[in-house]
């Protein structure tokens, strides 16, 4: 029970960031704990228990997205470089919840890779393994997702300055 109490909030948040649904995230988190406890003998201790459990949660969350047909392979956007390079963002003024809100407005594959990379802390190789992509594809997708996020943040900043949103 102590293990559950120690990890349930973090695992719920991980599932929720991927699934965007409280009930599904709760179900996936419960399933992940059951899987972890029934497969505990496979835990080799190469990573921390929390990292192992989080990987189970992420895999189950992605599987659930695919089951619900909410996970789609999306064509990459072409993001003009000149627009992004002209504008600068004062990152010290950004609030974390604003950035997360803007991440959630992006295409689903961009949301997933940015969540795994920026919020969950996975590196490119780990994301490639989790999502079944090549390392090059992950690097490209993350790069494009970051550019798109920056573009959205700049547009939001311009709108805020113009209209006081």
Protein backbone atom coordinates (compact mmCIF):
# COMPACT_ATOMS: atom_id res chain seq x y z
CA UNK A 1 0.00 0.00 0.00
CA UNK A 2 2.92 2.36 0.66
CA UNK A 3 4.18 1.89 -2.87
CA UNK A 4 0.75 2.77 -4.23
CA UNK A 5 0.50 5.88 -2.08
CA UNK A 6 3.99 6.94 -3.06
CA UNK A 7 3.40 6.73 -6.80
CA UNK A 8 -0.31 7.02 -7.57
CA UNK A 9 -0.44 10.82 -8.08
CA UNK A 10 2.55 10.90 -10.41
CA UNK A 11 1.29 7.91 -12.39
CA UNK A 12 -2.22 9.39 -12.66
CA UNK A 13 -0.74 12.67 -13.92
CA UNK A 14 1.35 10.82 -16.48
CA UNK A 15 -1.69 8.92 -17.78
CA UNK A 16 -3.86 12.04 -17.72
CA UNK A 17 -1.36 14.09 -19.75
CA UNK A 18 -1.55 11.47 -22.48
CA UNK A 19 -5.23 10.51 -22.32
CA UNK A 20 -6.78 13.86 -21.35
CA UNK A 21 -9.56 12.05 -19.45
CA UNK A 22 -9.81 11.61 -15.67
CA UNK A 23 -11.65 8.29 -15.74
CA UNK A 24 -9.43 6.69 -18.37
CA UNK A 25 -6.31 7.92 -16.60
CA UNK A 26 -7.56 6.43 -13.32
CA UNK A 27 -8.31 3.09 -15.02
CA UNK A 28 -4.95 2.98 -16.77
CA UNK A 29 -3.14 3.85 -13.55
CA UNK A 30 -4.94 1.03 -11.71
CA UNK A 31 -4.15 -1.42 -14.52
CA UNK A 32 -0.51 -0.35 -14.49
CA UNK A 33 -0.22 -1.00 -10.75
CA UNK A 34 -1.84 -4.41 -11.18
CA UNK A 35 0.54 -5.23 -14.01
CA UNK A 36 3.53 -4.02 -12.01
CA UNK A 37 2.60 -6.09 -8.97
CA UNK A 38 1.83 -9.24 -10.98
CA UNK A 39 5.01 -8.85 -13.06
CA UNK A 40 7.23 -7.72 -10.20
CA UNK A 41 9.46 -10.74 -10.78
CA UNK A 42 10.46 -9.21 -14.16
CA UNK A 43 11.72 -6.01 -12.51
CA UNK A 44 15.50 -6.25 -12.79
CA UNK A 45 16.40 -3.09 -10.90
CA UNK A 46 18.26 -1.58 -13.86
CA UNK A 47 16.13 1.55 -13.41
CA UNK A 48 14.21 2.80 -10.40
CA UNK A 49 10.86 1.23 -9.62
CA UNK A 50 9.18 4.57 -10.37
CA UNK A 51 10.74 4.76 -13.83
CA UNK A 52 9.71 1.16 -14.55
CA UNK A 53 6.16 1.85 -13.38
CA UNK A 54 5.96 5.07 -15.39
CA UNK A 55 6.98 3.17 -18.51
CA UNK A 56 4.12 0.72 -17.90
CA UNK A 57 1.69 3.64 -17.47
CA UNK A 58 2.87 5.32 -20.68
CA UNK A 59 2.68 2.09 -22.69
CA UNK A 60 -0.82 1.35 -21.39
CA UNK A 61 -1.91 4.95 -22.06
CA UNK A 62 -0.66 4.81 -25.66
CA UNK A 63 -2.37 1.45 -26.15
CA UNK A 64 -5.62 2.94 -24.84
CA UNK A 65 -5.34 5.88 -27.24
CA UNK A 66 -4.90 3.46 -30.13
CA UNK A 67 -7.85 1.35 -28.95
CA UNK A 68 -10.07 4.42 -28.89
CA UNK A 69 -8.85 5.46 -32.33
CA UNK A 70 -7.79 8.79 -30.82
CA UNK A 71 -4.16 8.26 -31.73
CA UNK A 72 -3.45 9.16 -35.31
CA UNK A 73 -0.29 9.37 -37.30
CA UNK A 74 -0.39 12.99 -38.38
CA UNK A 75 1.50 14.51 -41.27
CA UNK A 76 4.17 16.95 -40.25
CA UNK A 77 3.51 20.67 -40.49
CA UNK A 78 5.79 22.84 -42.51
CA UNK A 79 6.78 25.62 -40.19
CA UNK A 80 8.42 28.58 -41.84
CA UNK A 81 11.71 29.35 -40.11
CA UNK A 82 11.71 33.06 -40.83
CA UNK A 83 8.63 33.70 -38.66
CA UNK A 84 10.11 31.96 -35.67
CA UNK A 85 13.55 33.51 -35.89
CA UNK A 86 12.21 37.08 -36.05
CA UNK A 87 10.31 36.91 -32.77
CA UNK A 88 11.89 36.36 -29.39
CA UNK A 89 10.17 35.03 -26.31
CA UNK A 90 11.05 36.23 -22.83
CA UNK A 91 11.00 32.80 -21.21
CA UNK A 92 11.19 34.30 -17.73
CA UNK A 93 7.64 35.64 -18.21
CA UNK A 94 6.17 32.28 -19.22
CA UNK A 95 4.05 30.36 -16.74
CA UNK A 96 4.25 26.55 -16.80
CA UNK A 97 0.47 26.12 -16.98
CA UNK A 98 0.32 28.45 -20.00
CA UNK A 99 2.95 26.39 -21.81
CA UNK A 100 1.12 23.15 -20.97
CA UNK A 101 -2.15 24.70 -22.22
CA UNK A 102 -0.45 25.62 -25.49
CA UNK A 103 1.08 22.14 -25.82
CA UNK A 104 -2.45 20.77 -25.52
CA UNK A 105 -3.55 22.83 -28.55
CA UNK A 106 -0.98 21.14 -30.81
CA UNK A 107 -1.56 18.05 -32.93
CA UNK A 108 -1.70 14.88 -30.91
CA UNK A 109 1.66 13.49 -32.02
CA UNK A 110 3.29 16.80 -31.09
CA UNK A 111 1.53 16.74 -27.72
CA UNK A 112 2.75 13.22 -27.05
CA UNK A 113 6.40 13.77 -27.92
CA UNK A 114 6.59 17.08 -26.05
CA UNK A 115 4.89 15.57 -23.01
CA UNK A 116 7.26 12.60 -23.02
CA UNK A 117 10.32 14.77 -23.62
CA UNK A 118 9.71 18.02 -21.73
CA UNK A 119 7.38 16.94 -18.94
CA UNK A 120 8.21 13.27 -18.34
CA UNK A 121 11.91 13.72 -19.08
CA UNK A 122 12.44 10.92 -21.60
CA UNK A 123 15.27 11.26 -24.09
CA UNK A 124 14.91 10.73 -27.84
CA UNK A 125 15.97 7.10 -27.77
CA UNK A 126 13.50 6.23 -25.03
CA UNK A 127 10.67 8.00 -26.87
CA UNK A 128 11.58 6.16 -30.08
CA UNK A 129 11.38 2.87 -28.19
CA UNK A 130 8.07 3.75 -26.50
CA UNK A 131 6.37 4.99 -29.65
CA UNK A 132 7.92 2.57 -32.12
CA UNK A 133 9.52 5.35 -34.18
CA UNK A 134 13.07 5.67 -35.44
CA UNK A 135 15.42 7.96 -33.51
CA UNK A 136 15.57 10.28 -36.52
CA UNK A 137 11.78 10.50 -36.69
CA UNK A 138 11.59 11.33 -32.99
CA UNK A 139 14.27 14.01 -33.30
CA UNK A 140 12.48 15.56 -36.29
CA UNK A 141 9.08 15.37 -34.62
CA UNK A 142 10.31 16.93 -31.37
CA UNK A 143 12.13 19.66 -33.28
CA UNK A 144 9.04 20.49 -35.32
CA UNK A 145 6.81 20.28 -32.25
CA UNK A 146 9.06 22.71 -30.37
CA UNK A 147 9.05 25.11 -33.33
CA UNK A 148 5.27 24.90 -33.55
CA UNK A 149 4.95 25.44 -29.79
CA UNK A 150 7.19 28.48 -30.02
CA UNK A 151 5.11 29.80 -32.92
CA UNK A 152 1.89 29.33 -30.90
CA UNK A 153 3.43 31.04 -27.86
CA UNK A 154 4.58 33.98 -30.00
CA UNK A 155 1.12 34.32 -31.57
CA UNK A 156 -0.46 34.17 -28.13
CA UNK A 157 1.97 36.82 -26.87
CA UNK A 158 1.15 39.11 -29.82
CA UNK A 159 -2.60 38.63 -29.22
CA UNK A 160 -2.14 39.35 -25.53
CA UNK A 161 -0.27 42.57 -26.34
CA UNK A 162 -2.84 43.65 -28.93
CA UNK A 163 -6.07 42.63 -27.23
CA UNK A 164 -5.08 42.26 -23.61
CA UNK A 165 -6.25 38.64 -23.33
